[in-house]
Amino acid sequence: MEHKTIIVDSSFLVAFYITNDSQHVVAVNTVRKLAGIEKTLVIHPYVIQEVATILTYRVGVALAISFLDDITVSERVIIPTVNTEQEIEFFRRIGRKMSFVDTALVNVARQMRAAVLTFDKQILSLLRSVA
């Protein structure tokens, strides 16, 4: 099934922005492939917090601000509203030793019938089990 909407995880964004990340080349090549394709990218507010924090501490505030500028001006990026109650309920139902943020992403992907762009094996595993 071809997805028109893609949920973007922090692991992918960090790899894209940090040039010495082990997945940087893969992330850059993926972005190049997506550039010519009509896709909507969904970046959850929790992911924005994670990425801005990681970029600030690993590289510096300037890179974090660049990331924030990129996502706020892009017409292809959607930042969904947070539904905390629903995300808590999904986290409880999943009952795995897993990041709350990651379960929230899977929940949004499930609801939107969207793909997830991630390097996180736990997210990929959970996606397969709830699909």
N, C-alpha and C. Protein backbone atom coordinates (compact mmCIF):
# COMPACT_ATOMS: atom_id res chain seq x y z
N MET A 1 0.84 -1.18 0.00
CA MET A 1 0.00 0.00 0.00
C MET A 1 0.89 1.24 0.00
N GLU A 2 0.60 2.18 -0.86
CA GLU A 2 1.36 3.43 -0.97
C GLU A 2 0.81 4.44 0.03
N HIS A 3 1.69 4.93 0.89
CA HIS A 3 1.30 5.91 1.90
C HIS A 3 1.58 7.32 1.39
N LYS A 4 0.58 8.20 1.54
CA LYS A 4 0.78 9.60 1.16
C LYS A 4 1.26 10.42 2.35
N THR A 5 1.11 9.85 3.53
CA THR A 5 1.52 10.53 4.75
C THR A 5 2.59 9.70 5.43
N ILE A 6 3.63 10.38 5.91
CA ILE A 6 4.73 9.71 6.59
C ILE A 6 4.96 10.38 7.94
N ILE A 7 4.94 9.58 8.99
CA ILE A 7 5.28 10.06 10.33
C ILE A 7 6.80 9.99 10.43
N VAL A 8 7.42 11.08 10.87
CA VAL A 8 8.88 11.11 10.94
C VAL A 8 9.32 11.03 12.40
N ASP A 9 10.18 10.06 12.68
CA ASP A 9 10.69 9.81 14.03
C ASP A 9 11.97 10.61 14.28
N SER A 10 12.26 10.81 15.55
CA SER A 10 13.47 11.56 15.93
C SER A 10 14.74 10.86 15.46
N SER A 11 14.76 9.54 15.44
CA SER A 11 15.98 8.83 15.01
C SER A 11 16.35 9.21 13.58
N PHE A 12 15.36 9.36 12.74
CA PHE A 12 15.61 9.75 11.35
C PHE A 12 16.07 11.20 11.26
N LEU A 13 15.38 12.08 11.96
CA LEU A 13 15.72 13.51 11.90
C LEU A 13 17.10 13.79 12.47
N VAL A 14 17.44 13.15 13.57
CA VAL A 14 18.77 13.32 14.16
C VAL A 14 19.83 12.85 13.17
N ALA A 15 19.60 11.71 12.55
CA ALA A 15 20.55 11.19 11.57
C ALA A 15 20.70 12.15 10.39
N PHE A 16 19.62 12.75 9.98
CA PHE A 16 19.67 13.69 8.86
C PHE A 16 20.48 14.95 9.20
N TYR A 17 20.27 15.48 10.38
CA TYR A 17 20.90 16.76 10.75
C TYR A 17 22.32 16.63 11.28
N ILE A 18 22.67 15.50 11.86
CA ILE A 18 24.02 15.35 12.42
C ILE A 18 24.88 14.58 11.41
N THR A 19 25.83 15.27 10.84
CA THR A 19 26.60 14.72 9.72
C THR A 19 27.46 13.52 10.09
N ASN A 20 27.85 13.39 11.35
CA ASN A 20 28.68 12.23 11.72
C ASN A 20 27.85 11.10 12.33
N ASP A 21 26.54 11.18 12.22
CA ASP A 21 25.66 10.09 12.67
C ASP A 21 25.85 8.88 11.75
N SER A 22 25.80 7.69 12.33
CA SER A 22 26.02 6.47 11.54
C SER A 22 24.98 6.27 10.43
N GLN A 23 23.81 6.88 10.55
CA GLN A 23 22.75 6.74 9.55
C GLN A 23 22.58 7.99 8.68
N HIS A 24 23.52 8.94 8.78
CA HIS A 24 23.37 10.22 8.08
C HIS A 24 23.21 10.05 6.57
N VAL A 25 24.06 9.28 5.95
CA VAL A 25 24.01 9.11 4.49
C VAL A 25 22.68 8.50 4.07
N VAL A 26 22.21 7.51 4.80
CA VAL A 26 20.92 6.88 4.49
C VAL A 26 19.80 7.91 4.61
N ALA A 27 19.83 8.70 5.67
CA ALA A 27 18.80 9.72 5.87
C ALA A 27 18.81 10.76 4.74
N VAL A 28 19.98 11.23 4.38
CA VAL A 28 20.09 12.22 3.30
C VAL A 28 19.59 11.64 1.98
N ASN A 29 19.96 10.42 1.67
CA ASN A 29 19.50 9.78 0.43
C ASN A 29 17.98 9.59 0.43
N THR A 30 17.43 9.26 1.58
CA THR A 30 15.97 9.10 1.69
C THR A 30 15.27 10.42 1.45
N VAL A 31 15.79 11.50 2.02
CA VAL A 31 15.20 12.83 1.82
C VAL A 31 15.28 13.22 0.34
N ARG A 32 16.37 12.91 -0.30
CA ARG A 32 16.50 13.21 -1.75
C ARG A 32 15.44 12.47 -2.56
N LYS A 33 15.21 11.21 -2.20
CA LYS A 33 14.19 10.42 -2.91
C LYS A 33 12.79 10.99 -2.68
N LEU A 34 12.54 11.46 -1.47
CA LEU A 34 11.22 12.00 -1.14
C LEU A 34 10.98 13.38 -1.75
N ALA A 35 12.04 14.07 -2.12
CA ALA A 35 11.93 15.45 -2.60
C ALA A 35 11.02 15.58 -3.82
N GLY A 36 11.05 14.62 -4.70
CA GLY A 36 10.24 14.70 -5.91
C GLY A 36 8.91 14.00 -5.82
N ILE A 37 8.55 13.54 -4.64
CA ILE A 37 7.32 12.77 -4.47
C ILE A 37 6.37 13.55 -3.57
N GLU A 38 5.09 13.53 -3.92
CA GLU A 38 4.08 14.21 -3.11
C GLU A 38 3.79 13.41 -1.84
N LYS A 39 4.41 13.81 -0.77
CA LYS A 39 4.20 13.17 0.53
C LYS A 39 4.01 14.26 1.57
N THR A 40 3.15 14.00 2.54
CA THR A 40 3.00 14.88 3.68
C THR A 40 3.79 14.27 4.82
N LEU A 41 4.63 15.07 5.45
CA LEU A 41 5.43 14.61 6.57
C LEU A 41 4.79 15.10 7.86
N VAL A 42 4.57 14.19 8.78
CA VAL A 42 3.98 14.52 10.07
C VAL A 42 5.06 14.42 11.13
N ILE A 43 5.27 15.51 11.85
CA ILE A 43 6.26 15.53 12.92
C ILE A 43 5.54 15.87 14.21
N HIS A 44 5.44 14.87 15.08
CA HIS A 44 4.74 15.01 16.35
C HIS A 44 5.46 16.02 17.24
N PRO A 45 4.73 16.81 18.01
CA PRO A 45 5.37 17.77 18.92
C PRO A 45 6.39 17.12 19.87
N TYR A 46 6.14 15.88 20.29
CA TYR A 46 7.11 15.20 21.16
C TYR A 46 8.44 14.99 20.42
N VAL A 47 8.34 14.67 19.14
CA VAL A 47 9.54 14.45 18.33
C VAL A 47 10.29 15.77 18.16
N ILE A 48 9.56 16.84 17.96
CA ILE A 48 10.21 18.15 17.85
C ILE A 48 11.01 18.44 19.11
N GLN A 49 10.43 18.17 20.26
CA GLN A 49 11.13 18.39 21.53
C GLN A 49 12.39 17.53 21.62
N GLU A 50 12.24 16.26 21.28
CA GLU A 50 13.39 15.35 21.34
C GLU A 50 14.52 15.81 20.41
N VAL A 51 14.18 16.09 19.17
CA VAL A 51 15.19 16.44 18.18
C VAL A 51 15.87 17.76 18.53
N ALA A 52 15.10 18.77 18.89
CA ALA A 52 15.70 20.06 19.25
C ALA A 52 16.65 19.90 20.43
N THR A 53 16.28 19.08 21.40
CA THR A 53 17.14 18.86 22.56
C THR A 53 18.41 18.12 22.17
N ILE A 54 18.28 17.05 21.41
CA ILE A 54 19.45 16.26 21.00
C ILE A 54 20.40 17.11 20.16
N LEU A 55 19.86 17.85 19.21
CA LEU A 55 20.71 18.69 18.35
C LEU A 55 21.42 19.76 19.17
N THR A 56 20.71 20.34 20.12
CA THR A 56 21.32 21.37 20.98
C THR A 56 22.50 20.81 21.76
N TYR A 57 22.31 19.66 22.38
CA TYR A 57 23.36 19.10 23.23
C TYR A 57 24.50 18.45 22.45
N ARG A 58 24.19 17.84 21.32
CA ARG A 58 25.26 17.17 20.56
C ARG A 58 26.03 18.10 19.64
N VAL A 59 25.35 19.10 19.09
CA VAL A 59 26.01 19.97 18.11
C VAL A 59 25.96 21.44 18.53
N GLY A 60 24.79 21.92 18.90
CA GLY A 60 24.67 23.31 19.32
C GLY A 60 23.30 23.88 19.02
N VAL A 61 23.03 25.01 19.64
CA VAL A 61 21.73 25.66 19.50
C VAL A 61 21.45 26.06 18.05
N ALA A 62 22.46 26.48 17.33
CA ALA A 62 22.26 26.93 15.94
C ALA A 62 21.65 25.82 15.08
N LEU A 63 22.12 24.60 15.24
CA LEU A 63 21.56 23.49 14.45
C LEU A 63 20.12 23.19 14.87
N ALA A 64 19.85 23.26 16.17
CA ALA A 64 18.48 23.04 16.64
C ALA A 64 17.54 24.10 16.07
N ILE A 65 17.98 25.33 16.04
CA ILE A 65 17.16 26.41 15.47
C ILE A 65 16.97 26.21 13.97
N SER A 66 18.00 25.75 13.29
CA SER A 66 17.88 25.46 11.86
C SER A 66 16.82 24.38 11.62
N PHE A 67 16.84 23.33 12.43
CA PHE A 67 15.82 22.27 12.35
C PHE A 67 14.43 22.87 12.56
N LEU A 68 14.27 23.67 13.61
CA LEU A 68 12.96 24.26 13.91
C LEU A 68 12.50 25.18 12.78
N ASP A 69 13.42 25.94 12.21
CA ASP A 69 13.08 26.79 11.07
C ASP A 69 12.62 25.95 9.88
N ASP A 70 13.35 24.88 9.61
CA ASP A 70 13.01 24.01 8.47
C ASP A 70 11.60 23.45 8.59
N ILE A 71 11.25 22.95 9.76
CA ILE A 71 9.94 22.30 9.88
C ILE A 71 8.79 23.29 9.96
N THR A 72 9.06 24.50 10.43
CA THR A 72 7.96 25.46 10.55
C THR A 72 7.66 26.20 9.24
N VAL A 73 8.60 26.22 8.31
CA VAL A 73 8.34 26.90 7.04
C VAL A 73 7.93 25.94 5.92
N SER A 74 8.15 24.66 6.11
CA SER A 74 7.84 23.69 5.06
C SER A 74 6.34 23.51 4.91
N GLU A 75 5.88 23.56 3.66
CA GLU A 75 4.46 23.33 3.38
C GLU A 75 4.12 21.85 3.42
N ARG A 76 5.12 21.00 3.42
CA ARG A 76 4.90 19.55 3.43
C ARG A 76 4.81 18.98 4.83
N VAL A 77 5.14 19.78 5.84
CA VAL A 77 5.18 19.28 7.21
C VAL A 77 3.91 19.68 7.96
N ILE A 78 3.34 18.68 8.62
CA ILE A 78 2.19 18.90 9.51
C ILE A 78 2.65 18.58 10.92
N ILE A 79 2.29 19.45 11.86
CA ILE A 79 2.55 19.20 13.27
C ILE A 79 1.19 18.97 13.92
N PRO A 80 0.88 17.71 14.27
CA PRO A 80 -0.45 17.42 14.80
C PRO A 80 -0.62 17.93 16.23
N THR A 81 -1.87 18.09 16.61
CA THR A 81 -2.14 18.44 18.00
C THR A 81 -1.94 17.20 18.87
N VAL A 82 -1.61 17.43 20.10
CA VAL A 82 -1.37 16.33 21.04
C VAL A 82 -2.69 15.94 21.68
N ASN A 83 -2.97 14.64 21.70
CA ASN A 83 -4.13 14.11 22.40
C ASN A 83 -3.59 13.23 23.53
N THR A 84 -3.25 13.86 24.63
CA THR A 84 -2.57 13.17 25.72
C THR A 84 -3.35 11.99 26.26
N GLU A 85 -4.65 12.15 26.45
CA GLU A 85 -5.45 11.05 27.00
C GLU A 85 -5.39 9.82 26.10
N GLN A 86 -5.53 10.05 24.81
CA GLN A 86 -5.49 8.94 23.85
C GLN A 86 -4.11 8.28 23.83
N GLU A 87 -3.06 9.09 23.91
CA GLU A 87 -1.70 8.55 23.90
C GLU A 87 -1.40 7.76 25.17
N ILE A 88 -1.91 8.23 26.30
CA ILE A 88 -1.75 7.49 27.56
C ILE A 88 -2.47 6.15 27.47
N GLU A 89 -3.68 6.17 26.94
CA GLU A 89 -4.46 4.93 26.81
C GLU A 89 -3.76 3.93 25.90
N PHE A 90 -3.22 4.40 24.78
CA PHE A 90 -2.50 3.51 23.86
C PHE A 90 -1.25 2.94 24.53
N PHE A 91 -0.53 3.77 25.25
CA PHE A 91 0.67 3.33 25.98
C PHE A 91 0.30 2.23 26.99
N ARG A 92 -0.78 2.44 27.73
CA ARG A 92 -1.24 1.43 28.69
C ARG A 92 -1.60 0.12 27.98
N ARG A 93 -2.32 0.25 26.88
CA ARG A 93 -2.78 -0.94 26.16
C ARG A 93 -1.60 -1.73 25.59
N ILE A 94 -0.59 -1.03 25.09
CA ILE A 94 0.58 -1.70 24.52
C ILE A 94 1.32 -2.46 25.61
N GLY A 95 1.54 -1.82 26.74
CA GLY A 95 2.16 -2.49 27.88
C GLY A 95 3.57 -3.01 27.65
N ARG A 96 4.33 -2.35 26.80
CA ARG A 96 5.72 -2.77 26.52
C ARG A 96 6.69 -1.81 27.20
N LYS A 97 7.88 -2.32 27.44
CA LYS A 97 8.96 -1.46 27.93
C LYS A 97 9.46 -0.68 26.71
N MET A 98 8.89 0.51 26.55
CA MET A 98 9.13 1.28 25.34
C MET A 98 8.89 2.76 25.63
N SER A 99 9.54 3.61 24.90
CA SER A 99 9.37 5.05 25.06
C SER A 99 7.92 5.47 24.83
N PHE A 100 7.44 6.35 25.70
CA PHE A 100 6.09 6.90 25.54
C PHE A 100 5.98 7.62 24.19
N VAL A 101 7.02 8.36 23.83
CA VAL A 101 7.03 9.08 22.55
C VAL A 101 6.88 8.11 21.38
N ASP A 102 7.60 7.01 21.44
CA ASP A 102 7.54 6.02 20.36
C ASP A 102 6.14 5.41 20.23
N THR A 103 5.51 5.11 21.36
CA THR A 103 4.16 4.55 21.28
C THR A 103 3.18 5.60 20.75
N ALA A 104 3.39 6.86 21.10
CA ALA A 104 2.53 7.93 20.57
C ALA A 104 2.65 8.02 19.05
N LEU A 105 3.88 7.87 18.53
CA LEU A 105 4.08 7.90 17.07
C LEU A 105 3.37 6.74 16.39
N VAL A 106 3.48 5.57 16.97
CA VAL A 106 2.82 4.40 16.40
C VAL A 106 1.31 4.61 16.42
N ASN A 107 0.80 5.17 17.49
CA ASN A 107 -0.64 5.43 17.58
C ASN A 107 -1.09 6.40 16.49
N VAL A 108 -0.35 7.47 16.28
CA VAL A 108 -0.68 8.44 15.23
C VAL A 108 -0.60 7.77 13.85
N ALA A 109 0.44 6.98 13.64
CA ALA A 109 0.59 6.28 12.36
C ALA A 109 -0.58 5.33 12.11
N ARG A 110 -0.99 4.65 13.15
CA ARG A 110 -2.12 3.72 13.05
C ARG A 110 -3.39 4.48 12.69
N GLN A 111 -3.63 5.58 13.37
CA GLN A 111 -4.84 6.37 13.12
C GLN A 111 -4.85 6.99 11.72
N MET A 112 -3.69 7.45 11.27
CA MET A 112 -3.60 8.11 9.97
C MET A 112 -3.34 7.13 8.83
N ARG A 113 -3.15 5.86 9.18
CA ARG A 113 -2.77 4.85 8.18
C ARG A 113 -1.53 5.32 7.41
N ALA A 114 -0.55 5.73 8.18
CA ALA A 114 0.66 6.32 7.61
C ALA A 114 1.87 5.43 7.84
N ALA A 115 2.85 5.60 7.00
CA ALA A 115 4.14 4.94 7.19
C ALA A 115 4.93 5.73 8.25
N VAL A 116 5.96 5.10 8.79
CA VAL A 116 6.83 5.78 9.75
C VAL A 116 8.26 5.73 9.23
N LEU A 117 8.89 6.87 9.19
CA LEU A 117 10.28 6.99 8.77
C LEU A 117 11.13 6.97 10.04
N THR A 118 11.79 5.83 10.28
CA THR A 118 12.53 5.65 11.53
C THR A 118 13.67 4.66 11.34
N PHE A 119 14.65 4.76 12.22
CA PHE A 119 15.70 3.76 12.31
C PHE A 119 15.53 2.93 13.59
N ASP A 120 14.45 3.17 14.31
CA ASP A 120 14.20 2.55 15.61
C ASP A 120 13.52 1.19 15.43
N LYS A 121 14.21 0.13 15.82
CA LYS A 121 13.68 -1.23 15.63
C LYS A 121 12.46 -1.50 16.51
N GLN A 122 12.38 -0.88 17.69
CA GLN A 122 11.21 -1.08 18.55
C GLN A 122 9.96 -0.51 17.90
N ILE A 123 10.08 0.65 17.29
CA ILE A 123 8.93 1.25 16.60
C ILE A 123 8.49 0.34 15.46
N LEU A 124 9.43 -0.13 14.67
CA LEU A 124 9.10 -1.00 13.54
C LEU A 124 8.42 -2.28 14.02
N SER A 125 8.91 -2.83 15.11
CA SER A 125 8.31 -4.05 15.68
C SER A 125 6.88 -3.79 16.15
N LEU A 126 6.68 -2.69 16.85
CA LEU A 126 5.34 -2.37 17.34
C LEU A 126 4.39 -2.10 16.17
N LEU A 127 4.86 -1.43 15.15
CA LEU A 127 4.02 -1.18 13.97
C LEU A 127 3.53 -2.49 13.36
N ARG A 128 4.41 -3.47 13.27
CA ARG A 128 4.02 -4.77 12.70
C ARG A 128 2.97 -5.46 13.58
N SER A 129 3.08 -5.30 14.88
CA SER A 129 2.18 -6.02 15.77
C SER A 129 0.80 -5.36 15.90
N VAL A 130 0.69 -4.07 15.59
CA VAL A 130 -0.61 -3.41 15.71
C VAL A 130 -1.27 -3.15 14.35
N ALA A 131 -0.58 -3.51 13.28
CA ALA A 131 -1.11 -3.24 11.93
C ALA A 131 -2.32 -4.07 11.62
